[in-house]
Amino acid sequence: MFEWIGESFRYLLDFILRVLKTLLDALLDLLFIIIEILFDILIPVIEAVFEGLFDLFDLKAYVDMLPDAVAGIMGAIGIPEAMNIIMVAIGIRIILQLIPFVRLGS
């Protein structure tokens, strides 16, 4: 006789749960939009800083000053690949240091 009360209560609880999930999704979307806006602001700033930083060190001029024989030997023994591996490893280490509570060896 009073099953309709229990059924209505379950329907109300289900509705409230769906509304809360929708609000949580909306808040997460808002958070992602804020992060995207921050990245849109920060990326040109970072690019400008690094562009000015790399202007100080013109590596191409130093590499061009190497004799052809030295450049050939360096290429033959894999110096460019080794330098790439080292730079990627340093970049990964820096990124890992930015994660809270992860201090790998420092």
PDB file of N, CA and C in Angstrom:
ATOM      1  N   MET A   1       0.803  -1.173   0.000  1.00  0.00           N
ATOM      2  CA  MET A   1       0.000   0.000   0.000  1.00  0.00           C
ATOM      3  C   MET A   1       0.870   1.270   0.000  1.00  0.00           C
ATOM      4  N   PHE A   2       1.969   1.247   0.786  1.00  0.00           N
ATOM      5  CA  PHE A   2       2.825   2.428   0.840  1.00  0.00           C
ATOM      6  C   PHE A   2       4.118   2.231   0.047  1.00  0.00           C
ATOM      7  N   GLU A   3       4.106   1.301  -0.897  1.00  0.00           N
ATOM      8  CA  GLU A   3       5.305   1.094  -1.714  1.00  0.00           C
ATOM      9  C   GLU A   3       5.627   2.318  -2.553  1.00  0.00           C
ATOM     10  N   TRP A   4       4.618   3.073  -2.903  1.00  0.00           N
ATOM     11  CA  TRP A   4       4.846   4.248  -3.744  1.00  0.00           C
ATOM     12  C   TRP A   4       5.713   5.283  -3.024  1.00  0.00           C
ATOM     13  N   ILE A   5       5.653   5.306  -1.683  1.00  0.00           N
ATOM     14  CA  ILE A   5       6.500   6.249  -0.937  1.00  0.00           C
ATOM     15  C   ILE A   5       7.961   5.840  -1.060  1.00  0.00           C
ATOM     16  N   GLY A   6       8.224   4.547  -0.864  1.00  0.00           N
ATOM     17  CA  GLY A   6       9.596   4.050  -1.002  1.00  0.00           C
ATOM     18  C   GLY A   6      10.112   4.221  -2.415  1.00  0.00           C
ATOM     19  N   GLU A   7       9.249   3.953  -3.387  1.00  0.00           N
ATOM     20  CA  GLU A   7       9.644   4.108  -4.788  1.00  0.00           C
ATOM     21  C   GLU A   7       9.905   5.574  -5.119  1.00  0.00           C
ATOM     22  N   SER A   8       9.084   6.463  -4.614  1.00  0.00           N
ATOM     23  CA  SER A   8       9.292   7.898  -4.842  1.00  0.00           C
ATOM     24  C   SER A   8      10.581   8.373  -4.178  1.00  0.00           C
ATOM     25  N   PHE A   9      10.857   7.849  -2.968  1.00  0.00           N
ATOM     26  CA  PHE A   9      12.078   8.223  -2.269  1.00  0.00           C
ATOM     27  C   PHE A   9      13.314   7.742  -3.038  1.00  0.00           C
ATOM     28  N   ARG A  10      13.271   6.508  -3.559  1.00  0.00           N
ATOM     29  CA  ARG A  10      14.389   5.999  -4.372  1.00  0.00           C
ATOM     30  C   ARG A  10      14.559   6.827  -5.640  1.00  0.00           C
ATOM     31  N   TYR A  11      13.438   7.205  -6.259  1.00  0.00           N
ATOM     32  CA  TYR A  11      13.509   8.039  -7.451  1.00  0.00           C
ATOM     33  C   TYR A  11      14.120   9.401  -7.114  1.00  0.00           C
ATOM     34  N   LEU A  12      13.751   9.990  -5.986  1.00  0.00           N
ATOM     35  CA  LEU A  12      14.299  11.272  -5.557  1.00  0.00           C
ATOM     36  C   LEU A  12      15.798  11.159  -5.270  1.00  0.00           C
ATOM     37  N   LEU A  13      16.208  10.089  -4.575  1.00  0.00           N
ATOM     38  CA  LEU A  13      17.629   9.884  -4.304  1.00  0.00           C
ATOM     39  C   LEU A  13      18.418   9.700  -5.594  1.00  0.00           C
ATOM     40  N   ASP A  14      17.857   8.951  -6.530  1.00  0.00           N
ATOM     41  CA  ASP A  14      18.523   8.752  -7.819  1.00  0.00           C
ATOM     42  C   ASP A  14      18.642  10.079  -8.558  1.00  0.00           C
ATOM     43  N   PHE A  15      17.604  10.888  -8.518  1.00  0.00           N
ATOM     44  CA  PHE A  15      17.643  12.192  -9.170  1.00  0.00           C
ATOM     45  C   PHE A  15      18.704  13.091  -8.536  1.00  0.00           C
ATOM     46  N   ILE A  16      18.752  13.126  -7.204  1.00  0.00           N
ATOM     47  CA  ILE A  16      19.743  13.957  -6.508  1.00  0.00           C
ATOM     48  C   ILE A  16      21.153  13.480  -6.833  1.00  0.00           C
ATOM     49  N   LEU A  17      21.369  12.174  -6.880  1.00  0.00           N
ATOM     50  CA  LEU A  17      22.681  11.635  -7.212  1.00  0.00           C
ATOM     51  C   LEU A  17      23.097  12.035  -8.631  1.00  0.00           C
ATOM     52  N   ARG A  18      22.172  11.964  -9.560  1.00  0.00           N
ATOM     53  CA  ARG A  18      22.488  12.373 -10.929  1.00  0.00           C
ATOM     54  C   ARG A  18      22.794  13.873 -11.022  1.00  0.00           C
ATOM     55  N   VAL A  19      22.065  14.678 -10.268  1.00  0.00           N
ATOM     56  CA  VAL A  19      22.330  16.122 -10.259  1.00  0.00           C
ATOM     57  C   VAL A  19      23.713  16.392  -9.693  1.00  0.00           C
ATOM     58  N   LEU A  20      24.080  15.710  -8.602  1.00  0.00           N
ATOM     59  CA  LEU A  20      25.400  15.900  -8.008  1.00  0.00           C
ATOM     60  C   LEU A  20      26.512  15.465  -8.958  1.00  0.00           C
ATOM     61  N   LYS A  21      26.317  14.357  -9.656  1.00  0.00           N
ATOM     62  CA  LYS A  21      27.315  13.914 -10.643  1.00  0.00           C
ATOM     63  C   LYS A  21      27.449  14.928 -11.775  1.00  0.00           C
ATOM     64  N   THR A  22      26.334  15.489 -12.201  1.00  0.00           N
ATOM     65  CA  THR A  22      26.371  16.500 -13.253  1.00  0.00           C
ATOM     66  C   THR A  22      27.093  17.750 -12.781  1.00  0.00           C
ATOM     67  N   LEU A  23      26.836  18.175 -11.544  1.00  0.00           N
ATOM     68  CA  LEU A  23      27.535  19.335 -10.998  1.00  0.00           C
ATOM     69  C   LEU A  23      29.028  19.074 -10.859  1.00  0.00           C
ATOM     70  N   LEU A  24      29.400  17.857 -10.463  1.00  0.00           N
ATOM     71  CA  LEU A  24      30.812  17.510 -10.363  1.00  0.00           C
ATOM     72  C   LEU A  24      31.474  17.558 -11.741  1.00  0.00           C
ATOM     73  N   ASP A  25      30.796  17.028 -12.742  1.00  0.00           N
ATOM     74  CA  ASP A  25      31.333  17.103 -14.103  1.00  0.00           C
ATOM     75  C   ASP A  25      31.480  18.551 -14.560  1.00  0.00           C
ATOM     76  N   ALA A  26      30.513  19.389 -14.219  1.00  0.00           N
ATOM     77  CA  ALA A  26      30.588  20.802 -14.607  1.00  0.00           C
ATOM     78  C   ALA A  26      31.753  21.490 -13.901  1.00  0.00           C
ATOM     79  N   LEU A  27      31.965  21.190 -12.626  1.00  0.00           N
ATOM     80  CA  LEU A  27      33.090  21.783 -11.905  1.00  0.00           C
ATOM     81  C   LEU A  27      34.424  21.324 -12.469  1.00  0.00           C
ATOM     82  N   LEU A  28      34.514  20.049 -12.832  1.00  0.00           N
ATOM     83  CA  LEU A  28      35.746  19.551 -13.445  1.00  0.00           C
ATOM     84  C   LEU A  28      35.993  20.224 -14.794  1.00  0.00           C
ATOM     85  N   ASP A  29      34.938  20.398 -15.576  1.00  0.00           N
ATOM     86  CA  ASP A  29      35.084  21.105 -16.845  1.00  0.00           C
ATOM     87  C   ASP A  29      35.541  22.544 -16.620  1.00  0.00           C
ATOM     88  N   LEU A  30      35.001  23.195 -15.598  1.00  0.00           N
ATOM     89  CA  LEU A  30      35.411  24.552 -15.276  1.00  0.00           C
ATOM     90  C   LEU A  30      36.889  24.587 -14.876  1.00  0.00           C
ATOM     91  N   LEU A  31      37.319  23.613 -14.091  1.00  0.00           N
ATOM     92  CA  LEU A  31      38.723  23.533 -13.701  1.00  0.00           C
ATOM     93  C   LEU A  31      39.622  23.358 -14.927  1.00  0.00           C
ATOM     94  N   PHE A  32      39.223  22.490 -15.835  1.00  0.00           N
ATOM     95  CA  PHE A  32      40.020  22.274 -17.045  1.00  0.00           C
ATOM     96  C   PHE A  32      40.051  23.521 -17.922  1.00  0.00           C
ATOM     97  N   ILE A  33      38.958  24.258 -17.967  1.00  0.00           N
ATOM     98  CA  ILE A  33      38.934  25.496 -18.743  1.00  0.00           C
ATOM     99  C   ILE A  33      39.888  26.517 -18.130  1.00  0.00           C
ATOM    100  N   ILE A  34      39.902  26.612 -16.807  1.00  0.00           N
ATOM    101  CA  ILE A  34      40.818  27.543 -16.135  1.00  0.00           C
ATOM    102  C   ILE A  34      42.266  27.145 -16.398  1.00  0.00           C
ATOM    103  N   ILE A  35      42.568  25.856 -16.315  1.00  0.00           N
ATOM    104  CA  ILE A  35      43.931  25.384 -16.592  1.00  0.00           C
ATOM    105  C   ILE A  35      44.323  25.684 -18.036  1.00  0.00           C
ATOM    106  N   GLU A  36      43.400  25.487 -18.964  1.00  0.00           N
ATOM    107  CA  GLU A  36      43.689  25.772 -20.367  1.00  0.00           C
ATOM    108  C   GLU A  36      43.955  27.260 -20.589  1.00  0.00           C
ATOM    109  N   ILE A  37      43.187  28.105 -19.918  1.00  0.00           N
ATOM    110  CA  ILE A  37      43.411  29.549 -20.031  1.00  0.00           C
ATOM    111  C   ILE A  37      44.781  29.914 -19.477  1.00  0.00           C
ATOM    112  N   LEU A  38      45.148  29.330 -18.339  1.00  0.00           N
ATOM    113  CA  LEU A  38      46.469  29.589 -17.762  1.00  0.00           C
ATOM    114  C   LEU A  38      47.581  29.150 -18.711  1.00  0.00           C
ATOM    115  N   PHE A  39      47.418  27.975 -19.325  1.00  0.00           N
ATOM    116  CA  PHE A  39      48.418  27.511 -20.280  1.00  0.00           C
ATOM    117  C   PHE A  39      48.487  28.428 -21.492  1.00  0.00           C
ATOM    118  N   ASP A  40      47.341  28.900 -21.957  1.00  0.00           N
ATOM    119  CA  ASP A  40      47.341  29.828 -23.090  1.00  0.00           C
ATOM    120  C   ASP A  40      48.071  31.120 -22.755  1.00  0.00           C
ATOM    121  N   ILE A  41      48.023  31.519 -21.491  1.00  0.00           N
ATOM    122  CA  ILE A  41      48.735  32.721 -21.069  1.00  0.00           C
ATOM    123  C   ILE A  41      50.223  32.436 -20.876  1.00  0.00           C
ATOM    124  N   LEU A  42      50.547  31.293 -20.269  1.00  0.00           N
ATOM    125  CA  LEU A  42      51.932  31.001 -19.904  1.00  0.00           C
ATOM    126  C   LEU A  42      52.804  30.541 -21.078  1.00  0.00           C
ATOM    127  N   ILE A  43      52.236  29.887 -22.054  1.00  0.00           N
ATOM    128  CA  ILE A  43      53.044  29.350 -23.153  1.00  0.00           C
ATOM    129  C   ILE A  43      53.787  30.451 -23.910  1.00  0.00           C
ATOM    130  N   PRO A  44      53.145  31.562 -24.296  1.00  0.00           N
ATOM    131  CA  PRO A  44      53.932  32.620 -24.962  1.00  0.00           C
ATOM    132  C   PRO A  44      55.020  33.215 -24.066  1.00  0.00           C
ATOM    133  N   VAL A  45      54.745  33.308 -22.773  1.00  0.00           N
ATOM    134  CA  VAL A  45      55.752  33.839 -21.856  1.00  0.00           C
ATOM    135  C   VAL A  45      56.955  32.909 -21.800  1.00  0.00           C
ATOM    136  N   ILE A  46      56.704  31.618 -21.660  1.00  0.00           N
ATOM    137  CA  ILE A  46      57.794  30.639 -21.599  1.00  0.00           C
ATOM    138  C   ILE A  46      58.561  30.612 -22.913  1.00  0.00           C
ATOM    139  N   GLU A  47      57.843  30.663 -24.027  1.00  0.00           N
ATOM    140  CA  GLU A  47      58.526  30.682 -25.326  1.00  0.00           C
ATOM    141  C   GLU A  47      59.412  31.914 -25.459  1.00  0.00           C
ATOM    142  N   ALA A  48      58.946  33.051 -24.990  1.00  0.00           N
ATOM    143  CA  ALA A  48      59.754  34.277 -25.071  1.00  0.00           C
ATOM    144  C   ALA A  48      61.000  34.164 -24.204  1.00  0.00           C
ATOM    145  N   VAL A  49      60.857  33.580 -23.020  1.00  0.00           N
ATOM    146  CA  VAL A  49      62.013  33.424 -22.130  1.00  0.00           C
ATOM    147  C   VAL A  49      63.042  32.498 -22.752  1.00  0.00           C
ATOM    148  N   PHE A  50      62.588  31.343 -23.249  1.00  0.00           N
ATOM    149  CA  PHE A  50      63.535  30.385 -23.812  1.00  0.00           C
ATOM    150  C   PHE A  50      64.116  30.866 -25.137  1.00  0.00           C
ATOM    151  N   GLU A  51      63.345  31.641 -25.887  1.00  0.00           N
ATOM    152  CA  GLU A  51      63.876  32.186 -27.140  1.00  0.00           C
ATOM    153  C   GLU A  51      65.039  33.120 -26.847  1.00  0.00           C
ATOM    154  N   GLY A  52      64.874  33.961 -25.846  1.00  0.00           N
ATOM    155  CA  GLY A  52      65.951  34.863 -25.458  1.00  0.00           C
ATOM    156  C   GLY A  52      67.122  34.119 -24.849  1.00  0.00           C
ATOM    157  N   LEU A  53      66.847  33.025 -24.146  1.00  0.00           N
ATOM    158  CA  LEU A  53      67.908  32.246 -23.524  1.00  0.00           C
ATOM    159  C   LEU A  53      68.761  31.550 -24.573  1.00  0.00           C
ATOM    160  N   PHE A  54      68.140  30.997 -25.578  1.00  0.00           N
ATOM    161  CA  PHE A  54      68.895  30.274 -26.597  1.00  0.00           C
ATOM    162  C   PHE A  54      69.612  31.208 -27.557  1.00  0.00           C
ATOM    163  N   ASP A  55      69.237  32.467 -27.590  1.00  0.00           N
ATOM    164  CA  ASP A  55      69.975  33.427 -28.402  1.00  0.00           C
ATOM    165  C   ASP A  55      71.369  33.669 -27.820  1.00  0.00           C
ATOM    166  N   LEU A  56      71.523  33.477 -26.523  1.00  0.00           N
ATOM    167  CA  LEU A  56      72.825  33.674 -25.891  1.00  0.00           C
ATOM    168  C   LEU A  56      73.821  32.584 -26.292  1.00  0.00           C
ATOM    169  N   PHE A  57      73.330  31.372 -26.511  1.00  0.00           N
ATOM    170  CA  PHE A  57      74.191  30.243 -26.832  1.00  0.00           C
ATOM    171  C   PHE A  57      73.918  29.795 -28.262  1.00  0.00           C
ATOM    172  N   ASP A  58      74.752  30.235 -29.172  1.00  0.00           N
ATOM    173  CA  ASP A  58      74.590  29.845 -30.565  1.00  0.00           C
ATOM    174  C   ASP A  58      75.434  28.604 -30.821  1.00  0.00           C
ATOM    175  N   LEU A  59      74.849  27.437 -30.550  1.00  0.00           N
ATOM    176  CA  LEU A  59      75.585  26.177 -30.695  1.00  0.00           C
ATOM    177  C   LEU A  59      75.930  25.875 -32.149  1.00  0.00           C
ATOM    178  N   LYS A  60      75.100  26.324 -33.064  1.00  0.00           N
ATOM    179  CA  LYS A  60      75.369  26.037 -34.470  1.00  0.00           C
ATOM    180  C   LYS A  60      76.697  26.660 -34.905  1.00  0.00           C
ATOM    181  N   ALA A  61      77.000  27.839 -34.395  1.00  0.00           N
ATOM    182  CA  ALA A  61      78.271  28.475 -34.750  1.00  0.00           C
ATOM    183  C   ALA A  61      79.450  27.650 -34.248  1.00  0.00           C
ATOM    184  N   TYR A  62      79.321  27.097 -33.034  1.00  0.00           N
ATOM    185  CA  TYR A  62      80.412  26.286 -32.494  1.00  0.00           C
ATOM    186  C   TYR A  62      80.546  24.958 -33.232  1.00  0.00           C
ATOM    187  N   VAL A  63      79.437  24.365 -33.602  1.00  0.00           N
ATOM    188  CA  VAL A  63      79.486  23.095 -34.339  1.00  0.00           C
ATOM    189  C   VAL A  63      80.057  23.335 -35.737  1.00  0.00           C
ATOM    190  N   ASP A  64      79.710  24.441 -36.352  1.00  0.00           N
ATOM    191  CA  ASP A  64      80.248  24.747 -37.682  1.00  0.00           C
ATOM    192  C   ASP A  64      81.754  24.995 -37.648  1.00  0.00           C
ATOM    193  N   MET A  65      82.291  25.407 -36.487  1.00  0.00           N
ATOM    194  CA  MET A  65      83.727  25.655 -36.384  1.00  0.00           C
ATOM    195  C   MET A  65      84.533  24.357 -36.274  1.00  0.00           C
ATOM    196  N   LEU A  66      83.875  23.238 -35.998  1.00  0.00           N
ATOM    197  CA  LEU A  66      84.603  21.971 -35.889  1.00  0.00           C
ATOM    198  C   LEU A  66      85.115  21.540 -37.263  1.00  0.00           C
ATOM    199  N   PRO A  67      86.300  20.966 -37.317  1.00  0.00           N
ATOM    200  CA  PRO A  67      86.787  20.440 -38.592  1.00  0.00           C
ATOM    201  C   PRO A  67      85.897  19.283 -39.069  1.00  0.00           C
ATOM    202  N   ASP A  68      85.899  19.066 -40.377  1.00  0.00           N
ATOM    203  CA  ASP A  68      85.039  18.025 -40.950  1.00  0.00           C
ATOM    204  C   ASP A  68      85.387  16.641 -40.415  1.00  0.00           C
ATOM    205  N   ALA A  69      86.663  16.382 -40.196  1.00  0.00           N
ATOM    206  CA  ALA A  69      87.067  15.066 -39.702  1.00  0.00           C
ATOM    207  C   ALA A  69      86.522  14.823 -38.293  1.00  0.00           C
ATOM    208  N   VAL A  70      86.591  15.850 -37.452  1.00  0.00           N
ATOM    209  CA  VAL A  70      86.090  15.711 -36.076  1.00  0.00           C
ATOM    210  C   VAL A  70      84.578  15.514 -36.078  1.00  0.00           C
ATOM    211  N   ALA A  71      83.884  16.278 -36.895  1.00  0.00           N
ATOM    212  CA  ALA A  71      82.426  16.129 -36.981  1.00  0.00           C
ATOM    213  C   ALA A  71      82.051  14.748 -37.500  1.00  0.00           C
ATOM    214  N   GLY A  72      82.822  14.231 -38.457  1.00  0.00           N
ATOM    215  CA  GLY A  72      82.555  12.892 -38.986  1.00  0.00           C
ATOM    216  C   GLY A  72      82.763  11.815 -37.933  1.00  0.00           C
ATOM    217  N   ILE A  73      83.838  11.928 -37.158  1.00  0.00           N
ATOM    218  CA  ILE A  73      84.107  10.949 -36.100  1.00  0.00           C
ATOM    219  C   ILE A  73      83.022  11.024 -35.027  1.00  0.00           C
ATOM    220  N   MET A  74      82.643  12.237 -34.661  1.00  0.00           N
ATOM    221  CA  MET A  74      81.587  12.389 -33.650  1.00  0.00           C
ATOM    222  C   MET A  74      80.290  11.743 -34.120  1.00  0.00           C
ATOM    223  N   GLY A  75      79.970  11.925 -35.397  1.00  0.00           N
ATOM    224  CA  GLY A  75      78.771  11.290 -35.937  1.00  0.00           C
ATOM    225  C   GLY A  75      78.892   9.785 -35.997  1.00  0.00           C
ATOM    226  N   ALA A  76      80.095   9.286 -36.297  1.00  0.00           N
ATOM    227  CA  ALA A  76      80.295   7.842 -36.424  1.00  0.00           C
ATOM    228  C   ALA A  76      80.187   7.128 -35.077  1.00  0.00           C
ATOM    229  N   ILE A  77      80.658   7.767 -34.010  1.00  0.00           N
ATOM    230  CA  ILE A  77      80.608   7.092 -32.707  1.00  0.00           C
ATOM    231  C   ILE A  77      79.308   7.391 -31.951  1.00  0.00           C
ATOM    232  N   GLY A  78      78.429   8.192 -32.537  1.00  0.00           N
ATOM    233  CA  GLY A  78      77.098   8.382 -31.963  1.00  0.00           C
ATOM    234  C   GLY A  78      76.976   9.504 -30.960  1.00  0.00           C
ATOM    235  N   ILE A  79      77.808  10.512 -31.045  1.00  0.00           N
ATOM    236  CA  ILE A  79      77.727  11.642 -30.114  1.00  0.00           C
ATOM    237  C   ILE A  79      76.371  12.364 -30.218  1.00  0.00           C
ATOM    238  N   PRO A  80      75.842  12.627 -31.419  1.00  0.00           N
ATOM    239  CA  PRO A  80      74.542  13.326 -31.472  1.00  0.00           C
ATOM    240  C   PRO A  80      73.416  12.542 -30.791  1.00  0.00           C
ATOM    241  N   GLU A  81      73.375  11.226 -31.007  1.00  0.00           N
ATOM    242  CA  GLU A  81      72.341  10.419 -30.365  1.00  0.00           C
ATOM    243  C   GLU A  81      72.523  10.399 -28.853  1.00  0.00           C
ATOM    244  N   ALA A  82      73.781  10.309 -28.409  1.00  0.00           N
ATOM    245  CA  ALA A  82      74.050  10.310 -26.968  1.00  0.00           C
ATOM    246  C   ALA A  82      73.625  11.635 -26.339  1.00  0.00           C
ATOM    247  N   MET A  83      73.908  12.725 -27.019  1.00  0.00           N
ATOM    248  CA  MET A  83      73.497  14.028 -26.485  1.00  0.00           C
ATOM    249  C   MET A  83      71.968  14.143 -26.415  1.00  0.00           C
ATOM    250  N   ASN A  84      71.279  13.604 -27.422  1.00  0.00           N
ATOM    251  CA  ASN A  84      69.811  13.605 -27.394  1.00  0.00           C
ATOM    252  C   ASN A  84      69.291  12.802 -26.212  1.00  0.00           C
ATOM    253  N   ILE A  85      69.868  11.629 -25.969  1.00  0.00           N
ATOM    254  CA  ILE A  85      69.439  10.795 -24.851  1.00  0.00           C
ATOM    255  C   ILE A  85      69.667  11.508 -23.524  1.00  0.00           C
ATOM    256  N   ILE A  86      70.809  12.155 -23.383  1.00  0.00           N
ATOM    257  CA  ILE A  86      71.119  12.876 -22.148  1.00  0.00           C
ATOM    258  C   ILE A  86      70.151  14.035 -21.938  1.00  0.00           C
ATOM    259  N   MET A  87      69.855  14.788 -23.001  1.00  0.00           N
ATOM    260  CA  MET A  87      68.944  15.918 -22.866  1.00  0.00           C
ATOM    261  C   MET A  87      67.529  15.454 -22.514  1.00  0.00           C
ATOM    262  N   VAL A  88      67.073  14.353 -23.107  1.00  0.00           N
ATOM    263  CA  VAL A  88      65.751  13.828 -22.769  1.00  0.00           C
ATOM    264  C   VAL A  88      65.731  13.355 -21.319  1.00  0.00           C
ATOM    265  N   ALA A  89      66.800  12.701 -20.872  1.00  0.00           N
ATOM    266  CA  ALA A  89      66.856  12.236 -19.486  1.00  0.00           C
ATOM    267  C   ALA A  89      66.821  13.407 -18.510  1.00  0.00           C
ATOM    268  N   ILE A  90      67.541  14.470 -18.824  1.00  0.00           N
ATOM    269  CA  ILE A  90      67.524  15.660 -17.954  1.00  0.00           C
ATOM    270  C   ILE A  90      66.125  16.267 -17.942  1.00  0.00           C
ATOM    271  N   GLY A  91      65.485  16.341 -19.101  1.00  0.00           N
ATOM    272  CA  GLY A  91      64.125  16.885 -19.167  1.00  0.00           C
ATOM    273  C   GLY A  91      63.140  16.060 -18.364  1.00  0.00           C
ATOM    274  N   ILE A  92      63.227  14.735 -18.461  1.00  0.00           N
ATOM    275  CA  ILE A  92      62.333  13.867 -17.693  1.00  0.00           C
ATOM    276  C   ILE A  92      62.583  14.035 -16.200  1.00  0.00           C
ATOM    277  N   ARG A  93      63.839  14.142 -15.820  1.00  0.00           N
ATOM    278  CA  ARG A  93      64.156  14.321 -14.393  1.00  0.00           C
ATOM    279  C   ARG A  93      63.580  15.638 -13.871  1.00  0.00           C
ATOM    280  N   ILE A  94      63.688  16.695 -14.662  1.00  0.00           N
ATOM    281  CA  ILE A  94      63.135  17.981 -14.245  1.00  0.00           C
ATOM    282  C   ILE A  94      61.621  17.892 -14.108  1.00  0.00           C
ATOM    283  N   ILE A  95      60.969  17.231 -15.057  1.00  0.00           N
ATOM    284  CA  ILE A  95      59.511  17.082 -14.986  1.00  0.00           C
ATOM    285  C   ILE A  95      59.112  16.258 -13.775  1.00  0.00           C
ATOM    286  N   LEU A  96      59.855  15.182 -13.483  1.00  0.00           N
ATOM    287  CA  LEU A  96      59.535  14.373 -12.306  1.00  0.00           C
ATOM    288  C   LEU A  96      59.746  15.143 -11.009  1.00  0.00           C
ATOM    289  N   GLN A  97      60.685  16.065 -10.996  1.00  0.00           N
ATOM    290  CA  GLN A  97      60.921  16.860  -9.793  1.00  0.00           C
ATOM    291  C   GLN A  97      59.759  17.811  -9.519  1.00  0.00           C
ATOM    292  N   LEU A  98      58.963  18.119 -10.534  1.00  0.00           N
ATOM    293  CA  LEU A  98      57.824  19.008 -10.351  1.00  0.00           C
ATOM    294  C   LEU A  98      56.635  18.318  -9.698  1.00  0.00           C
ATOM    295  N   ILE A  99      56.635  16.983  -9.685  1.00  0.00           N
ATOM    296  CA  ILE A  99      55.545  16.235  -9.065  1.00  0.00           C
ATOM    297  C   ILE A  99      55.766  16.250  -7.545  1.00  0.00           C
ATOM    298  N   PRO A 100      54.743  16.627  -6.785  1.00  0.00           N
ATOM    299  CA  PRO A 100      54.920  16.671  -5.331  1.00  0.00           C
ATOM    300  C   PRO A 100      55.218  15.280  -4.761  1.00  0.00           C
ATOM    301  N   PHE A 101      56.060  15.240  -3.761  1.00  0.00           N
ATOM    302  CA  PHE A 101      56.445  14.034  -3.035  1.00  0.00           C
ATOM    303  C   PHE A 101      57.248  13.060  -3.876  1.00  0.00           C
ATOM    304  N   VAL A 102      57.760  13.481  -5.026  1.00  0.00           N
ATOM    305  CA  VAL A 102      58.635  12.623  -5.831  1.00  0.00           C
ATOM    306  C   VAL A 102      59.987  13.321  -5.913  1.00  0.00           C
ATOM    307  N   ARG A 103      60.921  12.843  -5.172  1.00  0.00           N
ATOM    308  CA  ARG A 103      62.285  13.390  -5.183  1.00  0.00           C
ATOM    309  C   ARG A 103      63.242  12.233  -5.454  1.00  0.00           C
ATOM    310  N   LEU A 104      63.445  11.967  -6.719  1.00  0.00           N
ATOM    311  CA  LEU A 104      64.255  10.832  -7.103  1.00  0.00           C
ATOM    312  C   LEU A 104      65.735  11.197  -7.048  1.00  0.00           C
ATOM    313  N   GLY A 105      66.370  10.910  -5.961  1.00  0.00           N
ATOM    314  CA  GLY A 105      67.811  11.075  -5.854  1.00  0.00           C
ATOM    315  C   GLY A 105      68.287  12.475  -5.557  1.00  0.00           C
ATOM    316  N   SER A 106      67.411  13.353  -5.116  1.00  0.00           N
ATOM    317  CA  SER A 106      67.917  14.695  -4.798  1.00  0.00           C
ATOM    318  C   SER A 106      67.439  15.134  -3.441  1.00  0.00           C
TER     319      SER A 106
END
